[in-house]
Amino acid sequence: MRVVVADGSAPPIDKACGEGLMPDSIAALAQLGVSLDGVPSAEFHGIRFVERGKVAEAKFPDGVGRGVRRTVLHPLLLEHAERAGVSFRWRTVVRSVEGDRLAMPGAEVRARWIVGADGHQSRVRRWAGLEAGKLSSQRIGLRQHFAVQPWSSFVEVYWCDKGQAYVTPVAHDEICVAFLAREKFSSVAEALAHFPELASRLAGVAASDTPRGAVSLVKQLRSVARGQVALIGDASGSVDAITGEGMAIGFRQAVALAEAMVAGDLSRYQAAHRQIGQLPRFMSQGMLMMDRQRLVRRQVLRALTRKPALFARMMQVHVGHVPLRLLGETGLLRLGAGLLTA
C-alpha cells in the first residue's frame, strides 16, 4: 500500500505526556519494528505510590520500563515510517472527507482507506459520523521537566485529594513531572503545593523547559470504523492518562488496523479495538475511584503497604503478564477483598 500522512503540525511534535513506556508498551512498539536501543532514555523497574508518608511499590514481573521524551520518541517513529516508504505532508490540514476523497490545500486525494489519527477533537470522526459514544471523565494534565538526577528507579505516583503527580526518569539528569487533576492548576508551583513530599524533593531544582497542558478523557465510542474510515489513538476513544497506557494502546491498535486492512475487513479492527481497550478501561475505573474517594484511596494504599504481594499481583494484571480473563470473577473478588480487608 502507498501511505500518505497529512499533519497540520511539523516535527518534532511534542505533547504533554507522562513519557513513561512500561514493559508491555515497549513490546507493543517492538511489534511495529521500533527499538529503543541506544535511544536517550532512562530505565525504571516498577511503580511506587506515595501519600502522606505511606509508600507502596511493586516491580514489573518481567522486563523494565523506559522514560523517553516525546521529542525523542517522535523523530524515532518518523524515521522508521519514512524507511517503510510513508510519505508525509507537514503543515497540511485536511479540510473535508467525502467518500474516498480528502480535500487538502491545493489538492484532492483519493484513498482506499482513510485513518483518523487526529486526537480527542477528531474531525475525521465527525465527518465519518462516528461521534456516538460516552464521555465518563475529563481531567486536566500539566507537564514540566526538571534538570535533576532521578532519585528513584521507579515511576513515582504522588496522591492527594486534588489528583496525582507522576515522576518519570527520562535521562540520567532529567525527570518528567506530570500532574493530573479534576480542576486546572494555574501553575506548576500551585500544583506542587498540593504534593509537599514532591515539592521538598524539587526545592531549588531548575525547570528544563516550559510547562505544557493537555486534557485527559475517558471516552468510549460505539464504533471506530465505518465504510472505509477507521479511527485510531485518542480519536477512537481513550482512557484516563492515570493508566500510563495511552501510547501502548495506540501501538497495539496500529498492528490490529494494518491486519484488518490487509484482510480488507475493518470489522476485524472493531473487534480487536474493543479487546485492546478492555484491560486499560478496567484499570482506569479502579484508579479513578481511588482519585475520587479519599477513604477508598487510603484503604487501598494501606492494603498495598501492608501486603506488597497484592501490589505485585495488580502489577502483573496491569502490564498484561496475567490476562484479566484468567483471573475470572473469583480472582477479581479475591483481589478486591484483599484490598478492603488489609
Foldseek 3Di string as FASTA:
>chain_A
DAAEAEELADPPDADQAQQKQFPLLQVLVVVVVAHCVPFAWAKAFWEWEDEPHFIFIAGFPDDIMIRAGSNRVSVSVVVSVVVVPHHYDYSWDFDADDAQWTDIVPDIDGDQAAEFAPAQVTPLCVRQVFPAWDWDAKKKKKKFKWFAADPHSHFYWYADLFFIWTWAGTHRGMIMIMTIGRDDDPAVVSVCVRVVVVCVVCVPIDIPDGMDMDMFTAIATPFQDDNRYGYAQNNHGHFGSVLVCRSSLRSQLVVQCVVCVVVVHCVSSRVSNVVSCPLRNVVRVVVVVLNNDVVLVVLQSVLSSVDVVLVNVVSCPSSVVDDPVNCPPVNVVVSVVSSNPD
